[in-house]
PDB file of N, CA and C in Angstrom:
ATOM      1  N   MET A   1      29.893   6.566  -0.884  1.00  0.00           N
ATOM      2  CA  MET A   1      28.534   6.323  -1.228  1.00  0.00           C
ATOM      3  C   MET A   1      28.596   5.194  -2.402  1.00  0.00           C
ATOM      4  N   SER A   2      27.780   4.206  -2.171  1.00  0.00           N
ATOM      5  CA  SER A   2      27.776   3.364  -3.463  1.00  0.00           C
ATOM      6  C   SER A   2      26.636   3.740  -4.494  1.00  0.00           C
ATOM      7  N   ARG A   3      26.559   3.428  -5.346  1.00  0.00           N
ATOM      8  CA  ARG A   3      25.631   4.566  -6.734  1.00  0.00           C
ATOM      9  C   ARG A   3      24.709   3.122  -6.479  1.00  0.00           C
ATOM     10  N   ILE A   4      23.069   2.739  -5.976  1.00  0.00           N
ATOM     11  CA  ILE A   4      22.374   2.257  -6.010  1.00  0.00           C
ATOM     12  C   ILE A   4      20.942   3.137  -5.692  1.00  0.00           C
ATOM     13  N   CYS A   5      20.164   2.707  -6.303  1.00  0.00           N
ATOM     14  CA  CYS A   5      19.524   3.952  -6.087  1.00  0.00           C
ATOM     15  C   CYS A   5      18.432   3.620  -4.448  1.00  0.00           C
ATOM     16  N   GLU A   6      18.173   4.666  -4.056  1.00  0.00           N
ATOM     17  CA  GLU A   6      17.326   4.167  -2.781  1.00  0.00           C
ATOM     18  C   GLU A   6      15.729   3.477  -2.714  1.00  0.00           C
ATOM     19  N   LEU A   7      15.506   4.023  -4.031  1.00  0.00           N
ATOM     20  CA  LEU A   7      13.897   3.518  -4.308  1.00  0.00           C
ATOM     21  C   LEU A   7      13.804   2.326  -4.674  1.00  0.00           C
ATOM     22  N   THR A   8      14.583   2.259  -5.412  1.00  0.00           N
ATOM     23  CA  THR A   8      14.656   0.075  -6.229  1.00  0.00           C
ATOM     24  C   THR A   8      15.525  -0.610  -5.995  1.00  0.00           C
ATOM     25  N   GLY A   9      16.484   0.094  -5.866  1.00  0.00           N
ATOM     26  CA  GLY A   9      17.469  -0.943  -5.427  1.00  0.00           C
ATOM     27  C   GLY A   9      18.231  -1.531  -6.405  1.00  0.00           C
ATOM     28  N   LYS A  10      18.057  -0.674  -7.603  1.00  0.00           N
ATOM     29  CA  LYS A  10      18.724  -0.565  -9.168  1.00  0.00           C
ATOM     30  C   LYS A  10      20.435  -0.285  -8.496  1.00  0.00           C
ATOM     31  N   GLY A  11      21.282  -1.067  -9.167  1.00  0.00           N
ATOM     32  CA  GLY A  11      22.626  -1.291  -8.607  1.00  0.00           C
ATOM     33  C   GLY A  11      23.287  -1.269 -10.226  1.00  0.00           C
ATOM     34  N   ARG A  12      24.938  -1.362  -9.945  1.00  0.00           N
ATOM     35  CA  ARG A  12      25.762  -1.459 -11.177  1.00  0.00           C
ATOM     36  C   ARG A  12      25.358  -2.700 -11.675  1.00  0.00           C
ATOM     37  N   GLN A  13      26.018  -2.977 -13.150  1.00  0.00           N
ATOM     38  CA  GLN A  13      25.597  -3.933 -13.294  1.00  0.00           C
ATOM     39  C   GLN A  13      27.114  -4.162 -14.493  1.00  0.00           C
ATOM     40  N   VAL A  14      27.762  -5.474 -14.693  1.00  0.00           N
ATOM     41  CA  VAL A  14      28.577  -5.582 -15.258  1.00  0.00           C
ATOM     42  C   VAL A  14      28.623  -6.528 -16.427  1.00  0.00           C
ATOM     43  N   GLY A  15      29.279  -6.163 -17.844  1.00  0.00           N
ATOM     44  CA  GLY A  15      29.243  -6.606 -18.946  1.00  0.00           C
ATOM     45  C   GLY A  15      30.589  -6.707 -19.312  1.00  0.00           C
ATOM     46  N   ASN A  16      30.915  -6.376 -20.853  1.00  0.00           N
ATOM     47  CA  ASN A  16      31.796  -6.895 -21.876  1.00  0.00           C
ATOM     48  C   ASN A  16      32.261  -5.548 -22.332  1.00  0.00           C
ATOM     49  N   ASN A  17      33.189  -4.742 -22.649  1.00  0.00           N
ATOM     50  CA  ASN A  17      33.291  -3.399 -24.135  1.00  0.00           C
ATOM     51  C   ASN A  17      33.783  -4.811 -25.034  1.00  0.00           C
ATOM     52  N   VAL A  18      33.119  -4.591 -25.884  1.00  0.00           N
ATOM     53  CA  VAL A  18      33.919  -5.555 -27.586  1.00  0.00           C
ATOM     54  C   VAL A  18      34.109  -4.861 -28.517  1.00  0.00           C
ATOM     55  N   SER A  19      34.870  -4.798 -28.943  1.00  0.00           N
ATOM     56  CA  SER A  19      36.040  -4.056 -29.758  1.00  0.00           C
ATOM     57  C   SER A  19      35.576  -4.809 -31.246  1.00  0.00           C
ATOM     58  N   HIS A  20      36.089  -3.886 -32.138  1.00  0.00           N
ATOM     59  CA  HIS A  20      35.981  -4.313 -33.741  1.00  0.00           C
ATOM     60  C   HIS A  20      35.863  -6.146 -34.217  1.00  0.00           C
ATOM     61  N   ALA A  21      37.413  -5.822 -33.585  1.00  0.00           N
ATOM     62  CA  ALA A  21      38.571  -7.329 -33.478  1.00  0.00           C
ATOM     63  C   ALA A  21      37.720  -8.556 -32.548  1.00  0.00           C
ATOM     64  N   ASN A  22      36.441  -7.985 -32.173  1.00  0.00           N
ATOM     65  CA  ASN A  22      35.981  -9.038 -30.849  1.00  0.00           C
ATOM     66  C   ASN A  22      36.563  -9.576 -29.627  1.00  0.00           C
ATOM     67  N   ASN A  23      37.248  -8.329 -29.352  1.00  0.00           N
ATOM     68  CA  ASN A  23      38.600  -8.572 -28.251  1.00  0.00           C
ATOM     69  C   ASN A  23      37.004  -7.966 -27.324  1.00  0.00           C
ATOM     70  N   LYS A  24      37.086  -9.061 -25.687  1.00  0.00           N
ATOM     71  CA  LYS A  24      36.261  -8.487 -24.743  1.00  0.00           C
ATOM     72  C   LYS A  24      36.557  -7.689 -23.203  1.00  0.00           C
ATOM     73  N   THR A  25      36.652  -6.494 -22.949  1.00  0.00           N
ATOM     74  CA  THR A  25      37.113  -6.258 -21.618  1.00  0.00           C
ATOM     75  C   THR A  25      35.605  -6.318 -20.979  1.00  0.00           C
ATOM     76  N   LYS A  26      36.504  -6.511 -18.941  1.00  0.00           N
ATOM     77  CA  LYS A  26      35.677  -5.863 -18.582  1.00  0.00           C
ATOM     78  C   LYS A  26      34.758  -4.603 -18.279  1.00  0.00           C
ATOM     79  N   ARG A  27      33.817  -4.549 -18.139  1.00  0.00           N
ATOM     80  CA  ARG A  27      33.587  -2.424 -17.748  1.00  0.00           C
ATOM     81  C   ARG A  27      32.149  -2.873 -17.048  1.00  0.00           C
ATOM     82  N   VAL A  28      31.724  -1.729 -16.246  1.00  0.00           N
ATOM     83  CA  VAL A  28      30.782  -1.502 -15.499  1.00  0.00           C
ATOM     84  C   VAL A  28      29.660  -1.081 -15.616  1.00  0.00           C
ATOM     85  N   PHE A  29      28.545  -0.986 -15.487  1.00  0.00           N
ATOM     86  CA  PHE A  29      27.204   0.478 -16.862  1.00  0.00           C
ATOM     87  C   PHE A  29      26.896   0.449 -15.021  1.00  0.00           C
ATOM     88  N   LEU A  30      26.721   1.881 -14.544  1.00  0.00           N
ATOM     89  CA  LEU A  30      25.906   2.418 -13.476  1.00  0.00           C
ATOM     90  C   LEU A  30      24.884   3.586 -14.009  1.00  0.00           C
ATOM     91  N   PRO A  31      23.836   2.752 -12.747  1.00  0.00           N
ATOM     92  CA  PRO A  31      22.560   3.773 -13.167  1.00  0.00           C
ATOM     93  C   PRO A  31      22.703   5.394 -12.782  1.00  0.00           C
ATOM     94  N   ASN A  32      21.874   5.671 -13.745  1.00  0.00           N
ATOM     95  CA  ASN A  32      21.747   7.643 -13.644  1.00  0.00           C
ATOM     96  C   ASN A  32      21.498   7.711 -12.810  1.00  0.00           C
ATOM     97  N   LEU A  33      21.636   7.775 -11.761  1.00  0.00           N
ATOM     98  CA  LEU A  33      21.375   8.886 -10.417  1.00  0.00           C
ATOM     99  C   LEU A  33      20.997  10.126  -9.759  1.00  0.00           C
ATOM    100  N   GLN A  34      20.504  11.055  -9.742  1.00  0.00           N
ATOM    101  CA  GLN A  34      19.908  11.991  -9.659  1.00  0.00           C
ATOM    102  C   GLN A  34      19.694  12.370  -8.137  1.00  0.00           C
ATOM    103  N   ASN A  35      20.618  13.492  -7.369  1.00  0.00           N
ATOM    104  CA  ASN A  35      19.461  13.800  -6.446  1.00  0.00           C
ATOM    105  C   ASN A  35      18.780  14.441  -6.496  1.00  0.00           C
ATOM    106  N   VAL A  36      17.485  13.684  -5.608  1.00  0.00           N
ATOM    107  CA  VAL A  36      15.963  14.460  -5.852  1.00  0.00           C
ATOM    108  C   VAL A  36      15.169  14.796  -4.506  1.00  0.00           C
ATOM    109  N   THR A  37      14.661  15.743  -4.197  1.00  0.00           N
ATOM    110  CA  THR A  37      13.648  16.072  -3.095  1.00  0.00           C
ATOM    111  C   THR A  37      12.148  15.961  -3.493  1.00  0.00           C
ATOM    112  N   LEU A  38      11.703  14.806  -2.882  1.00  0.00           N
ATOM    113  CA  LEU A  38       9.799  14.259  -3.048  1.00  0.00           C
ATOM    114  C   LEU A  38       9.397  14.414  -1.936  1.00  0.00           C
ATOM    115  N   ILE A  39       8.419  15.033  -2.112  1.00  0.00           N
ATOM    116  CA  ILE A  39       7.551  15.385  -1.124  1.00  0.00           C
ATOM    117  C   ILE A  39       6.405  14.501  -0.907  1.00  0.00           C
ATOM    118  N   SER A  40       6.376  14.003   0.459  1.00  0.00           N
ATOM    119  CA  SER A  40       5.127  13.491   1.311  1.00  0.00           C
ATOM    120  C   SER A  40       3.782  13.827   1.407  1.00  0.00           C
ATOM    121  N   GLU A  41       2.445  13.532   0.478  1.00  0.00           N
ATOM    122  CA  GLU A  41       0.995  14.602   1.019  1.00  0.00           C
ATOM    123  C   GLU A  41       1.421  14.441   1.921  1.00  0.00           C
ATOM    124  N   LYS A  42       1.019  12.912   2.988  1.00  0.00           N
ATOM    125  CA  LYS A  42       0.598  12.826   3.844  1.00  0.00           C
ATOM    126  C   LYS A  42       1.112  12.974   5.457  1.00  0.00           C
ATOM    127  N   LEU A  43       2.314  13.061   5.250  1.00  0.00           N
ATOM    128  CA  LEU A  43       3.558  14.074   5.816  1.00  0.00           C
ATOM    129  C   LEU A  43       3.776  15.214   6.096  1.00  0.00           C
ATOM    130  N   ASP A  44       3.115  15.874   4.623  1.00  0.00           N
ATOM    131  CA  ASP A  44       3.589  17.065   4.966  1.00  0.00           C
ATOM    132  C   ASP A  44       4.338  17.814   4.564  1.00  0.00           C
ATOM    133  N   ARG A  45       5.577  16.873   4.278  1.00  0.00           N
ATOM    134  CA  ARG A  45       7.308  16.870   4.071  1.00  0.00           C
ATOM    135  C   ARG A  45       7.778  16.742   3.112  1.00  0.00           C
ATOM    136  N   SER A  46       9.186  17.068   3.087  1.00  0.00           N
ATOM    137  CA  SER A  46       9.691  16.400   1.709  1.00  0.00           C
ATOM    138  C   SER A  46      10.882  15.744   2.122  1.00  0.00           C
ATOM    139  N   PHE A  47      11.641  15.275   0.702  1.00  0.00           N
ATOM    140  CA  PHE A  47      12.661  14.290   2.269  1.00  0.00           C
ATOM    141  C   PHE A  47      13.588  13.936   0.205  1.00  0.00           C
ATOM    142  N   LYS A  48      14.985  14.146   0.669  1.00  0.00           N
ATOM    143  CA  LYS A  48      16.175  13.958   0.017  1.00  0.00           C
ATOM    144  C   LYS A  48      16.144  12.651  -0.400  1.00  0.00           C
ATOM    145  N   PHE A  49      16.658  12.274  -1.397  1.00  0.00           N
ATOM    146  CA  PHE A  49      16.440  10.504  -2.012  1.00  0.00           C
ATOM    147  C   PHE A  49      18.073  11.098  -2.669  1.00  0.00           C
ATOM    148  N   ARG A  50      18.761   9.603  -3.245  1.00  0.00           N
ATOM    149  CA  ARG A  50      19.529   9.241  -4.422  1.00  0.00           C
ATOM    150  C   ARG A  50      18.879   8.428  -4.778  1.00  0.00           C
ATOM    151  N   VAL A  51      18.070   8.829  -6.062  1.00  0.00           N
ATOM    152  CA  VAL A  51      17.136   8.081  -7.350  1.00  0.00           C
ATOM    153  C   VAL A  51      17.507   8.133  -8.608  1.00  0.00           C
ATOM    154  N   SER A  52      17.553   6.607  -9.106  1.00  0.00           N
ATOM    155  CA  SER A  52      17.731   6.662 -10.882  1.00  0.00           C
ATOM    156  C   SER A  52      16.664   7.133 -11.214  1.00  0.00           C
ATOM    157  N   THR A  53      16.499   6.913 -12.243  1.00  0.00           N
ATOM    158  CA  THR A  53      15.557   8.383 -13.718  1.00  0.00           C
ATOM    159  C   THR A  53      14.484   7.564 -13.477  1.00  0.00           C
ATOM    160  N   HIS A  54      15.129   5.340 -13.394  1.00  0.00           N
ATOM    161  CA  HIS A  54      13.962   4.545 -13.604  1.00  0.00           C
ATOM    162  C   HIS A  54      12.950   4.614 -12.705  1.00  0.00           C
ATOM    163  N   GLY A  55      14.090   5.016 -11.244  1.00  0.00           N
ATOM    164  CA  GLY A  55      13.006   4.831 -10.446  1.00  0.00           C
ATOM    165  C   GLY A  55      11.845   6.069 -10.178  1.00  0.00           C
ATOM    166  N   LEU A  56      12.597   7.259 -10.814  1.00  0.00           N
ATOM    167  CA  LEU A  56      11.562   8.639 -10.390  1.00  0.00           C
ATOM    168  C   LEU A  56      10.294   8.546 -11.490  1.00  0.00           C
ATOM    169  N   ARG A  57      10.992   7.691 -12.322  1.00  0.00           N
ATOM    170  CA  ARG A  57       9.231   8.126 -13.536  1.00  0.00           C
ATOM    171  C   ARG A  57       8.467   6.689 -12.642  1.00  0.00           C
ATOM    172  N   SER A  58       8.994   5.614 -12.059  1.00  0.00           N
ATOM    173  CA  SER A  58       8.392   4.604 -11.621  1.00  0.00           C
ATOM    174  C   SER A  58       7.629   5.117 -10.294  1.00  0.00           C
ATOM    175  N   VAL A  59       7.855   5.901  -9.332  1.00  0.00           N
ATOM    176  CA  VAL A  59       7.174   6.856  -8.449  1.00  0.00           C
ATOM    177  C   VAL A  59       6.096   8.004  -8.923  1.00  0.00           C
ATOM    178  N   GLU A  60       6.687   8.662 -10.198  1.00  0.00           N
ATOM    179  CA  GLU A  60       5.466   9.260 -11.213  1.00  0.00           C
ATOM    180  C   GLU A  60       3.993   8.755 -11.442  1.00  0.00           C
ATOM    181  N   HIS A  61       4.729   7.211 -11.910  1.00  0.00           N
ATOM    182  CA  HIS A  61       3.841   6.692 -12.216  1.00  0.00           C
ATOM    183  C   HIS A  61       2.941   5.827 -11.375  1.00  0.00           C
ATOM    184  N   ASN A  62       2.971   5.554 -10.073  1.00  0.00           N
ATOM    185  CA  ASN A  62       2.393   5.184  -9.322  1.00  0.00           C
ATOM    186  C   ASN A  62       1.731   6.292  -8.331  1.00  0.00           C
ATOM    187  N   GLY A  63       1.988   7.382  -9.031  1.00  0.00           N
ATOM    188  CA  GLY A  63       0.952   9.163  -8.122  1.00  0.00           C
ATOM    189  C   GLY A  63       1.573   9.161  -7.210  1.00  0.00           C
ATOM    190  N   GLY A  64       3.443   9.102  -6.877  1.00  0.00           N
ATOM    191  CA  GLY A  64       3.798  10.008  -5.894  1.00  0.00           C
ATOM    192  C   GLY A  64       4.599   9.271  -4.700  1.00  0.00           C
ATOM    193  N   LEU A  65       5.069   9.681  -4.183  1.00  0.00           N
ATOM    194  CA  LEU A  65       6.122   8.841  -3.138  1.00  0.00           C
ATOM    195  C   LEU A  65       5.277   8.366  -1.917  1.00  0.00           C
ATOM    196  N   ASP A  66       4.599   8.757  -1.403  1.00  0.00           N
ATOM    197  CA  ASP A  66       3.418   7.692  -0.575  1.00  0.00           C
ATOM    198  C   ASP A  66       2.364   6.497  -1.645  1.00  0.00           C
ATOM    199  N   ASN A  67       2.492   6.347  -2.667  1.00  0.00           N
ATOM    200  CA  ASN A  67       1.640   5.388  -2.751  1.00  0.00           C
ATOM    201  C   ASN A  67       2.815   4.068  -3.275  1.00  0.00           C
ATOM    202  N   TRP A  68       4.229   4.946  -3.676  1.00  0.00           N
ATOM    203  CA  TRP A  68       5.574   3.867  -4.039  1.00  0.00           C
ATOM    204  C   TRP A  68       6.005   3.147  -2.888  1.00  0.00           C
ATOM    205  N   LEU A  69       5.968   4.051  -1.699  1.00  0.00           N
ATOM    206  CA  LEU A  69       6.415   3.527  -0.490  1.00  0.00           C
ATOM    207  C   LEU A  69       5.674   2.511   0.196  1.00  0.00           C
ATOM    208  N   LEU A  70       4.261   2.541  -0.082  1.00  0.00           N
ATOM    209  CA  LEU A  70       3.501   1.650   0.557  1.00  0.00           C
ATOM    210  C   LEU A  70       3.451   0.631  -0.496  1.00  0.00           C
ATOM    211  N   LYS A  71       3.350   0.150  -1.786  1.00  0.00           N
ATOM    212  CA  LYS A  71       3.337  -0.365  -2.819  1.00  0.00           C
ATOM    213  C   LYS A  71       4.784  -1.381  -2.552  1.00  0.00           C
ATOM    214  N   THR A  72       6.038  -0.671  -2.156  1.00  0.00           N
ATOM    215  CA  THR A  72       6.915  -1.454  -2.491  1.00  0.00           C
ATOM    216  C   THR A  72       7.802  -1.774  -1.330  1.00  0.00           C
ATOM    217  N   SER A  73       8.180  -3.273  -1.037  1.00  0.00           N
ATOM    218  CA  SER A  73       8.679  -4.082  -0.613  1.00  0.00           C
ATOM    219  C   SER A  73      10.200  -3.367   0.269  1.00  0.00           C
ATOM    220  N   ASP A  74      10.167  -3.908   1.586  1.00  0.00           N
ATOM    221  CA  ASP A  74      11.147  -3.247   2.328  1.00  0.00           C
ATOM    222  C   ASP A  74      12.713  -3.713   1.663  1.00  0.00           C
ATOM    223  N   ASP A  75      12.644  -4.948   1.445  1.00  0.00           N
ATOM    224  CA  ASP A  75      14.183  -5.826   0.754  1.00  0.00           C
ATOM    225  C   ASP A  75      15.200  -4.483  -0.247  1.00  0.00           C
ATOM    226  N   LYS A  76      13.667  -4.005  -1.281  1.00  0.00           N
ATOM    227  CA  LYS A  76      14.662  -2.958  -2.404  1.00  0.00           C
ATOM    228  C   LYS A  76      14.467  -1.555  -1.597  1.00  0.00           C
ATOM    229  N   LEU A  77      13.933  -1.312  -0.951  1.00  0.00           N
ATOM    230  CA  LEU A  77      14.188   0.163   0.048  1.00  0.00           C
ATOM    231  C   LEU A  77      15.545   0.655   0.634  1.00  0.00           C
ATOM    232  N   SER A  78      16.043   1.307   0.699  1.00  0.00           N
ATOM    233  CA  SER A  78      17.499   1.907   1.409  1.00  0.00           C
ATOM    234  C   SER A  78      16.622   1.972   2.884  1.00  0.00           C
ATOM    235  N   ALA A  79      18.018   2.297   3.835  1.00  0.00           N
ATOM    236  CA  ALA A  79      17.180   2.818   5.597  1.00  0.00           C
ATOM    237  C   ALA A  79      16.449   3.454   5.591  1.00  0.00           C
ATOM    238  N   ARG A  80      16.753   4.811   4.941  1.00  0.00           N
ATOM    239  CA  ARG A  80      16.085   6.472   5.138  1.00  0.00           C
ATOM    240  C   ARG A  80      14.578   5.920   4.549  1.00  0.00           C
ATOM    241  N   ALA A  81      14.784   5.231   3.261  1.00  0.00           N
ATOM    242  CA  ALA A  81      13.418   4.865   2.944  1.00  0.00           C
ATOM    243  C   ALA A  81      12.608   3.985   3.331  1.00  0.00           C
ATOM    244  N   GLN A  82      13.143   3.568   3.913  1.00  0.00           N
ATOM    245  CA  GLN A  82      12.139   2.107   5.092  1.00  0.00           C
ATOM    246  C   GLN A  82      11.889   2.826   6.685  1.00  0.00           C
ATOM    247  N   LYS A  83      12.753   3.664   7.374  1.00  0.00           N
ATOM    248  CA  LYS A  83      12.091   5.111   8.132  1.00  0.00           C
ATOM    249  C   LYS A  83      10.723   5.868   8.014  1.00  0.00           C
ATOM    250  N   VAL A  84      10.845   6.329   6.748  1.00  0.00           N
ATOM    251  CA  VAL A  84      10.031   7.341   6.112  1.00  0.00           C
ATOM    252  C   VAL A  84       8.847   6.288   5.879  1.00  0.00           C
ATOM    253  N   LYS A  85       8.817   4.697   5.139  1.00  0.00           N
ATOM    254  CA  LYS A  85       8.106   4.313   5.675  1.00  0.00           C
ATOM    255  C   LYS A  85       7.161   4.015   6.395  1.00  0.00           C
ATOM    256  N   ARG A  86       7.878   3.812   7.472  1.00  0.00           N
ATOM    257  CA  ARG A  86       7.420   3.445   8.629  1.00  0.00           C
ATOM    258  C   ARG A  86       6.625   4.499   9.300  1.00  0.00           C
ATOM    259  N   GLU A  87       6.983   5.928   9.582  1.00  0.00           N
ATOM    260  CA  GLU A  87       6.660   6.980   9.075  1.00  0.00           C
ATOM    261  C   GLU A  87       5.381   7.198   8.289  1.00  0.00           C
ATOM    262  N   LEU A  88       5.429   7.085   7.275  1.00  0.00           N
ATOM    263  CA  LEU A  88       4.217   7.024   6.447  1.00  0.00           C
ATOM    264  C   LEU A  88       2.530   5.949   7.070  1.00  0.00           C
ATOM    265  N   LYS A  89       3.354   4.932   7.560  1.00  0.00           N
ATOM    266  CA  LYS A  89       2.434   3.575   8.060  1.00  0.00           C
ATOM    267  C   LYS A  89       1.620   4.762   8.991  1.00  0.00           C
ATOM    268  N   LYS A  90       2.366   5.109   9.890  1.00  0.00           N
ATOM    269  CA  LYS A  90       1.724   5.727  11.375  1.00  0.00           C
ATOM    270  C   LYS A  90       0.690   6.676  11.261  1.00  0.00           C
ATOM    271  N   ALA A  91       1.096   7.533   9.732  1.00  0.00           N
ATOM    272  CA  ALA A  91       0.295   8.192   9.875  1.00  0.00           C
ATOM    273  C   ALA A  91      -0.931   7.659   9.027  1.00  0.00           C
ATOM    274  N   VAL A  92      -0.853   6.961   8.144  1.00  0.00           N
ATOM    275  CA  VAL A  92      -2.197   6.595   7.564  1.00  0.00           C
ATOM    276  C   VAL A  92      -3.221   6.119   8.685  1.00  0.00           C
ATOM    277  N   ALA A  93      -2.297   5.254   9.331  1.00  0.00           N
ATOM    278  CA  ALA A  93      -3.454   3.949  10.576  1.00  0.00           C
ATOM    279  C   ALA A  93      -3.951   5.220  11.892  1.00  0.00           C
ATOM    280  N   SER A  94      -3.364   6.455  12.417  1.00  0.00           N
ATOM    281  CA  SER A  94      -3.397   7.785  12.903  1.00  0.00           C
ATOM    282  C   SER A  94      -5.105   8.065  12.142  1.00  0.00           C
ATOM    283  N   SER A  95      -4.846   8.597  10.955  1.00  0.00           N
ATOM    284  CA  SER A  95      -5.912   9.198   9.868  1.00  0.00           C
ATOM    285  C   SER A  95      -6.984   8.125  10.106  1.00  0.00           C
ATOM    286  N   GLU A  96      -6.475   6.966   9.729  1.00  0.00           N
ATOM    287  CA  GLU A  96      -8.466   5.709   9.148  1.00  0.00           C
ATOM    288  C   GLU A  96      -8.509   5.923  11.166  1.00  0.00           C
ATOM    289  N   ALA A  97      -7.788   5.535  11.809  1.00  0.00           N
ATOM    290  CA  ALA A  97      -8.314   5.857  13.346  1.00  0.00           C
ATOM    291  C   ALA A  97      -9.397   6.753  14.027  1.00  0.00           C
ATOM    292  N   ALA A  98      -8.647   8.319  13.522  1.00  0.00           N
ATOM    293  CA  ALA A  98      -9.389   9.533  13.614  1.00  0.00           C
ATOM    294  C   ALA A  98     -10.982   9.819  13.000  1.00  0.00           C
TER     295      ALA A  98
END
């Protein structure tokens, strides 16, 4: 399983370890990923995602999973998150039509 946030697309970054003698060796910076269960209010369901802590703060800042998914472009989202977004759009469209 790759170390990529399912909601923000945040992945690993590459940099250098720099010693006191200024020797540089390659290293990897991994995102702080957490397994979380986020609740969709409009779908009345919960979904499990692997999300970075930065992504989790962003979801909370935007008012929950529903608002975050509707505002975020599909290229950042994982396939599972895109599926939830499609379900959410259908639910929103059906509630507006009624």
